[in-house]
Amino acid sequence: MILDYRKASDSDLDICADIRGATRDNPIDKATLIKFGVTTEIWSPKMENGTYIGVVAEDKGEVIAYCYGNTQTGEVLVLAVLPEYEGHGVGKKLLFMVVKCLLSQSLTELWLAAGANSTIRAYGFYRHVGWSPTGTFDDNGDEILRYKKI
């Protein structure tokens, strides 16, 4: 499988929302994303001013996965991969592309919120690639994980 990776643009936001709703674990549909403020109208200006950065993976010109981060807070906002592309290193590559971008912003510690249920793939995935649990949880019950620059 040969995929292309590139910087995300605001024109990717709609397909990214579709992908988020199609993920195997913890899918979130567009209506719920809108309630959370994940819309082109809200995210596009943040991408233009550099607050949000993202990368997408494409297979034959079609976006199949993505990751976004916040350069001001160090939060990895979202990582989503279509189920048929899981297990091929796509998520790991996207995550570390965003981590590299965030760390280049003079951040020394990054964070994300991930499901605390050990049966969900994200639980083991983030720990396996170097993220550490903090023992704290957000309002949705997701656990806060940290990644420190070495």
N, C-alpha and C. Protein backbone atom coordinates (compact mmCIF):
# COMPACT_ATOMS: atom_id res chain seq x y z
N MET A 1 0.84 -1.18 0.00
CA MET A 1 0.00 0.00 0.00
C MET A 1 0.89 1.24 0.00
N ILE A 2 0.71 2.09 -0.98
CA ILE A 2 1.47 3.32 -1.07
C ILE A 2 0.51 4.48 -0.85
N LEU A 3 0.72 5.20 0.25
CA LEU A 3 -0.13 6.33 0.59
C LEU A 3 0.66 7.62 0.48
N ASP A 4 -0.06 8.70 0.26
CA ASP A 4 0.54 10.03 0.24
C ASP A 4 0.12 10.75 1.51
N TYR A 5 1.04 11.51 2.09
CA TYR A 5 0.78 12.29 3.29
C TYR A 5 1.02 13.75 2.95
N ARG A 6 0.11 14.60 3.41
CA ARG A 6 0.25 16.03 3.13
C ARG A 6 -0.40 16.85 4.24
N LYS A 7 -0.05 18.14 4.24
CA LYS A 7 -0.65 19.07 5.18
C LYS A 7 -2.15 19.15 4.89
N ALA A 8 -2.95 19.16 5.93
CA ALA A 8 -4.40 19.29 5.79
C ALA A 8 -4.77 20.72 5.42
N SER A 9 -5.84 20.85 4.67
CA SER A 9 -6.37 22.17 4.34
C SER A 9 -7.83 22.23 4.78
N ASP A 10 -8.40 23.42 4.79
CA ASP A 10 -9.79 23.53 5.22
C ASP A 10 -10.74 22.80 4.27
N SER A 11 -10.31 22.56 3.04
CA SER A 11 -11.17 21.80 2.12
C SER A 11 -11.24 20.32 2.49
N ASP A 12 -10.39 19.87 3.41
CA ASP A 12 -10.42 18.48 3.88
C ASP A 12 -11.40 18.28 5.04
N LEU A 13 -11.85 19.34 5.65
CA LEU A 13 -12.61 19.22 6.89
C LEU A 13 -13.89 18.41 6.74
N ASP A 14 -14.60 18.54 5.64
CA ASP A 14 -15.86 17.81 5.47
C ASP A 14 -15.61 16.31 5.39
N ILE A 15 -14.64 15.90 4.59
CA ILE A 15 -14.34 14.46 4.48
C ILE A 15 -13.78 13.93 5.80
N CYS A 16 -13.03 14.75 6.51
CA CYS A 16 -12.51 14.33 7.82
C CYS A 16 -13.66 14.05 8.78
N ALA A 17 -14.70 14.87 8.73
CA ALA A 17 -15.87 14.62 9.58
C ALA A 17 -16.54 13.30 9.20
N ASP A 18 -16.60 13.01 7.92
CA ASP A 18 -17.17 11.72 7.48
C ASP A 18 -16.33 10.55 8.00
N ILE A 19 -15.01 10.70 7.92
CA ILE A 19 -14.12 9.64 8.40
C ILE A 19 -14.30 9.44 9.90
N ARG A 20 -14.42 10.53 10.64
CA ARG A 20 -14.59 10.42 12.11
C ARG A 20 -15.83 9.60 12.45
N GLY A 21 -16.87 9.76 11.66
CA GLY A 21 -18.09 9.00 11.88
C GLY A 21 -18.00 7.55 11.45
N ALA A 22 -16.99 7.22 10.66
CA ALA A 22 -16.84 5.86 10.13
C ALA A 22 -15.78 5.05 10.87
N THR A 23 -15.17 5.62 11.91
CA THR A 23 -14.14 4.88 12.63
C THR A 23 -14.75 3.71 13.39
N ARG A 24 -13.93 2.70 13.63
CA ARG A 24 -14.40 1.48 14.28
C ARG A 24 -14.72 1.71 15.76
N ASP A 25 -13.80 2.31 16.47
CA ASP A 25 -14.00 2.58 17.90
C ASP A 25 -14.35 4.04 18.08
N ASN A 26 -15.36 4.30 18.88
CA ASN A 26 -15.72 5.67 19.25
C ASN A 26 -16.04 6.58 18.06
N PRO A 27 -16.88 6.13 17.11
CA PRO A 27 -17.25 7.03 16.01
C PRO A 27 -18.11 8.19 16.52
N ILE A 28 -17.93 9.33 15.90
CA ILE A 28 -18.75 10.50 16.23
C ILE A 28 -19.31 11.04 14.92
N ASP A 29 -20.63 11.12 14.83
CA ASP A 29 -21.26 11.56 13.58
C ASP A 29 -21.19 13.09 13.44
N LYS A 30 -21.49 13.55 12.24
CA LYS A 30 -21.38 14.99 11.94
C LYS A 30 -22.24 15.85 12.85
N ALA A 31 -23.45 15.40 13.15
CA ALA A 31 -24.34 16.19 14.01
C ALA A 31 -23.72 16.40 15.38
N THR A 32 -23.09 15.38 15.92
CA THR A 32 -22.45 15.50 17.23
C THR A 32 -21.20 16.36 17.13
N LEU A 33 -20.45 16.21 16.05
CA LEU A 33 -19.27 17.06 15.86
C LEU A 33 -19.67 18.54 15.82
N ILE A 34 -20.76 18.83 15.15
CA ILE A 34 -21.25 20.22 15.08
C ILE A 34 -21.56 20.73 16.49
N LYS A 35 -22.19 19.89 17.31
CA LYS A 35 -22.50 20.29 18.70
C LYS A 35 -21.22 20.60 19.48
N PHE A 36 -20.13 19.89 19.15
CA PHE A 36 -18.84 20.11 19.81
C PHE A 36 -18.07 21.29 19.19
N GLY A 37 -18.64 21.92 18.16
CA GLY A 37 -17.96 23.05 17.52
C GLY A 37 -16.96 22.65 16.46
N VAL A 38 -17.05 21.42 15.99
CA VAL A 38 -16.15 20.96 14.93
C VAL A 38 -16.85 21.19 13.60
N THR A 39 -16.66 22.40 13.08
CA THR A 39 -17.25 22.80 11.81
C THR A 39 -16.20 23.53 10.98
N THR A 40 -16.42 23.58 9.70
CA THR A 40 -15.51 24.31 8.82
C THR A 40 -15.45 25.78 9.22
N GLU A 41 -16.59 26.35 9.60
CA GLU A 41 -16.64 27.78 9.96
C GLU A 41 -15.79 28.08 11.19
N ILE A 42 -15.71 27.15 12.11
CA ILE A 42 -14.93 27.36 13.33
C ILE A 42 -13.46 26.95 13.14
N TRP A 43 -13.24 25.81 12.49
CA TRP A 43 -11.88 25.30 12.35
C TRP A 43 -11.07 26.00 11.27
N SER A 44 -11.68 26.41 10.19
CA SER A 44 -10.94 27.00 9.08
C SER A 44 -10.10 28.22 9.49
N PRO A 45 -10.67 29.20 10.22
CA PRO A 45 -9.84 30.33 10.64
C PRO A 45 -8.68 29.92 11.55
N LYS A 46 -8.90 28.89 12.36
CA LYS A 46 -7.83 28.42 13.25
C LYS A 46 -6.73 27.73 12.46
N MET A 47 -7.11 27.10 11.36
CA MET A 47 -6.09 26.51 10.49
C MET A 47 -5.34 27.60 9.74
N GLU A 48 -6.06 28.61 9.30
CA GLU A 48 -5.42 29.71 8.56
C GLU A 48 -4.43 30.47 9.43
N ASN A 49 -4.75 30.67 10.72
CA ASN A 49 -3.84 31.44 11.57
C ASN A 49 -2.79 30.56 12.26
N GLY A 50 -2.82 29.25 11.98
CA GLY A 50 -1.79 28.35 12.50
C GLY A 50 -2.06 27.79 13.88
N THR A 51 -3.21 28.10 14.47
CA THR A 51 -3.54 27.53 15.78
C THR A 51 -3.76 26.03 15.66
N TYR A 52 -4.47 25.61 14.62
CA TYR A 52 -4.68 24.18 14.36
C TYR A 52 -3.83 23.78 13.17
N ILE A 53 -3.13 22.68 13.33
CA ILE A 53 -2.36 22.11 12.22
C ILE A 53 -2.83 20.67 12.03
N GLY A 54 -2.71 20.20 10.81
CA GLY A 54 -3.15 18.83 10.57
C GLY A 54 -2.45 18.22 9.38
N VAL A 55 -2.52 16.91 9.32
CA VAL A 55 -2.01 16.15 8.19
C VAL A 55 -3.05 15.10 7.81
N VAL A 56 -3.08 14.78 6.53
CA VAL A 56 -3.98 13.75 6.04
C VAL A 56 -3.19 12.70 5.28
N ALA A 57 -3.74 11.50 5.24
CA ALA A 57 -3.19 10.43 4.42
C ALA A 57 -4.19 10.19 3.30
N GLU A 58 -3.66 10.01 2.10
CA GLU A 58 -4.49 9.77 0.92
C GLU A 58 -4.11 8.45 0.25
N ASP A 59 -5.11 7.77 -0.23
CA ASP A 59 -4.92 6.59 -1.06
C ASP A 59 -5.56 6.91 -2.40
N LYS A 60 -4.73 7.00 -3.43
CA LYS A 60 -5.19 7.33 -4.78
C LYS A 60 -6.02 8.62 -4.80
N GLY A 61 -5.56 9.62 -4.04
CA GLY A 61 -6.20 10.93 -4.04
C GLY A 61 -7.38 11.08 -3.10
N GLU A 62 -7.75 10.01 -2.39
CA GLU A 62 -8.87 10.07 -1.44
C GLU A 62 -8.34 10.08 -0.01
N VAL A 63 -8.81 11.02 0.80
CA VAL A 63 -8.39 11.10 2.19
C VAL A 63 -8.95 9.88 2.93
N ILE A 64 -8.06 9.16 3.64
CA ILE A 64 -8.47 7.96 4.35
C ILE A 64 -8.15 8.03 5.85
N ALA A 65 -7.43 9.06 6.26
CA ALA A 65 -7.07 9.23 7.67
C ALA A 65 -6.53 10.64 7.88
N TYR A 66 -6.55 11.08 9.14
CA TYR A 66 -6.07 12.43 9.44
C TYR A 66 -5.72 12.56 10.91
N CYS A 67 -4.98 13.61 11.21
CA CYS A 67 -4.64 13.97 12.59
C CYS A 67 -4.50 15.48 12.67
N TYR A 68 -5.01 16.07 13.74
CA TYR A 68 -4.92 17.52 13.95
C TYR A 68 -4.41 17.79 15.36
N GLY A 69 -3.71 18.92 15.51
CA GLY A 69 -3.23 19.35 16.82
C GLY A 69 -3.38 20.84 16.99
N ASN A 70 -3.31 21.29 18.23
CA ASN A 70 -3.42 22.70 18.58
C ASN A 70 -2.04 23.22 18.99
N THR A 71 -1.52 24.15 18.21
CA THR A 71 -0.17 24.67 18.44
C THR A 71 -0.08 25.56 19.68
N GLN A 72 -1.21 26.02 20.19
CA GLN A 72 -1.19 26.89 21.37
C GLN A 72 -1.22 26.10 22.67
N THR A 73 -1.96 24.98 22.68
CA THR A 73 -2.15 24.22 23.91
C THR A 73 -1.33 22.93 23.95
N GLY A 74 -0.86 22.48 22.79
CA GLY A 74 -0.15 21.21 22.72
C GLY A 74 -1.07 20.00 22.69
N GLU A 75 -2.34 20.23 22.47
CA GLU A 75 -3.28 19.11 22.43
C GLU A 75 -3.32 18.47 21.05
N VAL A 76 -3.26 17.16 21.01
CA VAL A 76 -3.58 16.42 19.80
C VAL A 76 -5.09 16.30 19.83
N LEU A 77 -5.74 16.98 18.90
CA LEU A 77 -7.18 17.12 18.92
C LEU A 77 -7.90 15.86 18.46
N VAL A 78 -7.39 15.23 17.42
CA VAL A 78 -8.08 14.07 16.86
C VAL A 78 -7.14 13.29 15.95
N LEU A 79 -7.31 11.99 15.96
CA LEU A 79 -6.64 11.08 15.04
C LEU A 79 -7.70 10.09 14.61
N ALA A 80 -7.93 9.96 13.32
CA ALA A 80 -8.96 9.04 12.82
C ALA A 80 -8.47 8.35 11.56
N VAL A 81 -8.72 7.05 11.50
CA VAL A 81 -8.30 6.22 10.37
C VAL A 81 -9.49 5.35 9.97
N LEU A 82 -9.77 5.29 8.68
CA LEU A 82 -10.83 4.40 8.22
C LEU A 82 -10.47 2.96 8.59
N PRO A 83 -11.45 2.16 9.00
CA PRO A 83 -11.17 0.80 9.49
C PRO A 83 -10.33 -0.05 8.55
N GLU A 84 -10.54 0.04 7.26
CA GLU A 84 -9.79 -0.82 6.34
C GLU A 84 -8.31 -0.46 6.24
N TYR A 85 -7.91 0.67 6.83
CA TYR A 85 -6.50 1.09 6.82
C TYR A 85 -5.84 0.92 8.18
N GLU A 86 -6.58 0.43 9.16
CA GLU A 86 -6.01 0.18 10.49
C GLU A 86 -4.95 -0.91 10.39
N GLY A 87 -3.97 -0.83 11.28
CA GLY A 87 -2.96 -1.88 11.38
C GLY A 87 -1.85 -1.80 10.35
N HIS A 88 -1.79 -0.69 9.61
CA HIS A 88 -0.76 -0.52 8.58
C HIS A 88 0.21 0.62 8.92
N GLY A 89 0.13 1.16 10.13
CA GLY A 89 1.03 2.22 10.54
C GLY A 89 0.60 3.62 10.13
N VAL A 90 -0.59 3.74 9.54
CA VAL A 90 -1.06 5.05 9.07
C VAL A 90 -1.29 6.00 10.24
N GLY A 91 -2.00 5.54 11.26
CA GLY A 91 -2.27 6.38 12.42
C GLY A 91 -1.00 6.80 13.13
N LYS A 92 -0.08 5.87 13.29
CA LYS A 92 1.19 6.17 13.95
C LYS A 92 1.96 7.23 13.17
N LYS A 93 2.02 7.09 11.86
CA LYS A 93 2.75 8.06 11.04
C LYS A 93 2.11 9.44 11.14
N LEU A 94 0.78 9.50 11.01
CA LEU A 94 0.09 10.79 11.11
C LEU A 94 0.30 11.42 12.48
N LEU A 95 0.17 10.62 13.53
CA LEU A 95 0.34 11.14 14.88
C LEU A 95 1.72 11.75 15.05
N PHE A 96 2.76 11.06 14.61
CA PHE A 96 4.09 11.60 14.82
C PHE A 96 4.44 12.74 13.88
N MET A 97 3.75 12.85 12.77
CA MET A 97 3.91 14.04 11.94
C MET A 97 3.37 15.26 12.69
N VAL A 98 2.20 15.10 13.33
CA VAL A 98 1.62 16.20 14.10
C VAL A 98 2.45 16.47 15.35
N VAL A 99 2.91 15.43 16.03
CA VAL A 99 3.77 15.61 17.21
C VAL A 99 5.00 16.42 16.83
N LYS A 100 5.64 16.08 15.73
CA LYS A 100 6.83 16.81 15.28
C LYS A 100 6.51 18.29 15.04
N CYS A 101 5.39 18.55 14.39
CA CYS A 101 4.98 19.95 14.15
C CYS A 101 4.73 20.68 15.46
N LEU A 102 4.03 20.04 16.39
CA LEU A 102 3.74 20.68 17.67
C LEU A 102 5.01 20.95 18.47
N LEU A 103 5.90 19.98 18.50
CA LEU A 103 7.15 20.17 19.25
C LEU A 103 8.03 21.24 18.62
N SER A 104 7.88 21.47 17.32
CA SER A 104 8.65 22.53 16.66
C SER A 104 8.14 23.92 17.05
N GLN A 105 7.01 23.98 17.74
CA GLN A 105 6.43 25.26 18.19
C GLN A 105 6.93 25.64 19.59
N SER A 106 8.02 25.06 20.03
CA SER A 106 8.62 25.29 21.35
C SER A 106 7.82 24.67 22.49
N LEU A 107 6.91 23.78 22.17
CA LEU A 107 6.20 23.04 23.20
C LEU A 107 7.11 21.89 23.66
N THR A 108 7.10 21.59 24.94
CA THR A 108 7.91 20.48 25.44
C THR A 108 7.06 19.32 25.93
N GLU A 109 5.76 19.57 26.10
CA GLU A 109 4.85 18.52 26.54
C GLU A 109 3.54 18.65 25.77
N LEU A 110 3.06 17.52 25.27
CA LEU A 110 1.81 17.48 24.53
C LEU A 110 0.81 16.65 25.32
N TRP A 111 -0.46 16.78 24.96
CA TRP A 111 -1.47 16.00 25.65
C TRP A 111 -2.61 15.65 24.71
N LEU A 112 -3.37 14.65 25.10
CA LEU A 112 -4.58 14.28 24.38
C LEU A 112 -5.52 13.59 25.34
N ALA A 113 -6.77 13.51 24.95
CA ALA A 113 -7.77 12.79 25.73
C ALA A 113 -8.15 11.54 24.95
N ALA A 114 -8.08 10.40 25.60
CA ALA A 114 -8.39 9.13 24.94
C ALA A 114 -9.26 8.28 25.86
N GLY A 115 -10.06 7.43 25.24
CA GLY A 115 -10.93 6.55 26.00
C GLY A 115 -10.16 5.77 27.05
N ALA A 116 -10.74 5.66 28.22
CA ALA A 116 -10.08 4.97 29.34
C ALA A 116 -10.40 3.48 29.36
N ASN A 117 -11.20 3.02 28.44
CA ASN A 117 -11.58 1.60 28.36
C ASN A 117 -10.48 0.82 27.66
N SER A 118 -9.91 -0.14 28.35
CA SER A 118 -8.77 -0.87 27.79
C SER A 118 -9.14 -1.78 26.62
N THR A 119 -10.42 -1.93 26.32
CA THR A 119 -10.81 -2.74 25.17
C THR A 119 -10.84 -1.93 23.88
N ILE A 120 -10.71 -0.62 23.99
CA ILE A 120 -10.69 0.25 22.81
C ILE A 120 -9.26 0.33 22.30
N ARG A 121 -9.10 0.26 20.99
CA ARG A 121 -7.76 0.25 20.37
C ARG A 121 -6.91 1.44 20.79
N ALA A 122 -7.50 2.61 20.91
CA ALA A 122 -6.73 3.80 21.26
C ALA A 122 -6.03 3.65 22.61
N TYR A 123 -6.65 2.95 23.51
CA TYR A 123 -6.08 2.78 24.86
C TYR A 123 -4.66 2.21 24.77
N GLY A 124 -4.51 1.11 24.09
CA GLY A 124 -3.19 0.49 23.96
C GLY A 124 -2.29 1.19 22.97
N PHE A 125 -2.89 1.73 21.89
CA PHE A 125 -2.11 2.37 20.84
C PHE A 125 -1.27 3.53 21.39
N TYR A 126 -1.91 4.47 22.08
CA TYR A 126 -1.18 5.64 22.56
C TYR A 126 -0.10 5.27 23.56
N ARG A 127 -0.39 4.34 24.43
CA ARG A 127 0.61 3.90 25.40
C ARG A 127 1.78 3.22 24.69
N HIS A 128 1.48 2.43 23.69
CA HIS A 128 2.52 1.72 22.94
C HIS A 128 3.47 2.68 22.23
N VAL A 129 2.97 3.82 21.78
CA VAL A 129 3.82 4.77 21.05
C VAL A 129 4.36 5.90 21.93
N GLY A 130 4.33 5.72 23.25
CA GLY A 130 5.04 6.63 24.13
C GLY A 130 4.23 7.62 24.93
N TRP A 131 2.92 7.56 24.87
CA TRP A 131 2.09 8.47 25.65
C TRP A 131 1.87 7.87 27.03
N SER A 132 1.89 8.73 28.06
CA SER A 132 1.77 8.27 29.44
C SER A 132 0.44 8.71 30.07
N PRO A 133 -0.23 7.81 30.77
CA PRO A 133 -1.47 8.20 31.46
C PRO A 133 -1.15 9.13 32.62
N THR A 134 -2.07 10.05 32.86
CA THR A 134 -1.87 11.00 33.96
C THR A 134 -2.74 10.67 35.16
N GLY A 135 -3.72 9.79 34.98
CA GLY A 135 -4.65 9.50 36.05
C GLY A 135 -5.75 10.54 36.17
N THR A 136 -5.77 11.50 35.25
CA THR A 136 -6.83 12.51 35.26
C THR A 136 -7.74 12.28 34.05
N PHE A 137 -8.96 12.78 34.17
CA PHE A 137 -9.98 12.54 33.16
C PHE A 137 -10.69 13.84 32.83
N ASP A 138 -11.13 13.97 31.57
CA ASP A 138 -11.88 15.15 31.18
C ASP A 138 -13.36 14.95 31.50
N ASP A 139 -14.17 15.94 31.14
CA ASP A 139 -15.61 15.89 31.44
C ASP A 139 -16.34 14.76 30.71
N ASN A 140 -15.76 14.24 29.64
CA ASN A 140 -16.37 13.14 28.90
C ASN A 140 -15.95 11.77 29.43
N GLY A 141 -15.09 11.76 30.45
CA GLY A 141 -14.61 10.50 31.01
C GLY A 141 -13.38 9.96 30.30
N ASP A 142 -12.84 10.73 29.33
CA ASP A 142 -11.63 10.31 28.65
C ASP A 142 -10.41 10.62 29.51
N GLU A 143 -9.43 9.74 29.43
CA GLU A 143 -8.21 9.92 30.22
C GLU A 143 -7.25 10.86 29.50
N ILE A 144 -6.61 11.72 30.26
CA ILE A 144 -5.61 12.63 29.71
C ILE A 144 -4.27 11.90 29.69
N LEU A 145 -3.66 11.86 28.51
CA LEU A 145 -2.34 11.26 28.32
C LEU A 145 -1.36 12.36 27.95
N ARG A 146 -0.10 12.20 28.34
CA ARG A 146 0.94 13.19 28.07
C ARG A 146 2.05 12.58 27.25
N TYR A 147 2.69 13.44 26.47
CA TYR A 147 3.87 13.06 25.70
C TYR A 147 4.90 14.13 25.93
N LYS A 148 6.05 13.77 26.47
CA LYS A 148 7.10 14.74 26.76
C LYS A 148 8.23 14.64 25.74
N LYS A 149 8.71 15.80 25.34
CA LYS A 149 9.86 15.86 24.45
C LYS A 149 11.07 15.30 25.16
N ILE A 150 11.78 14.46 24.47
CA ILE A 150 12.97 13.84 25.09
C ILE A 150 14.18 14.70 24.83
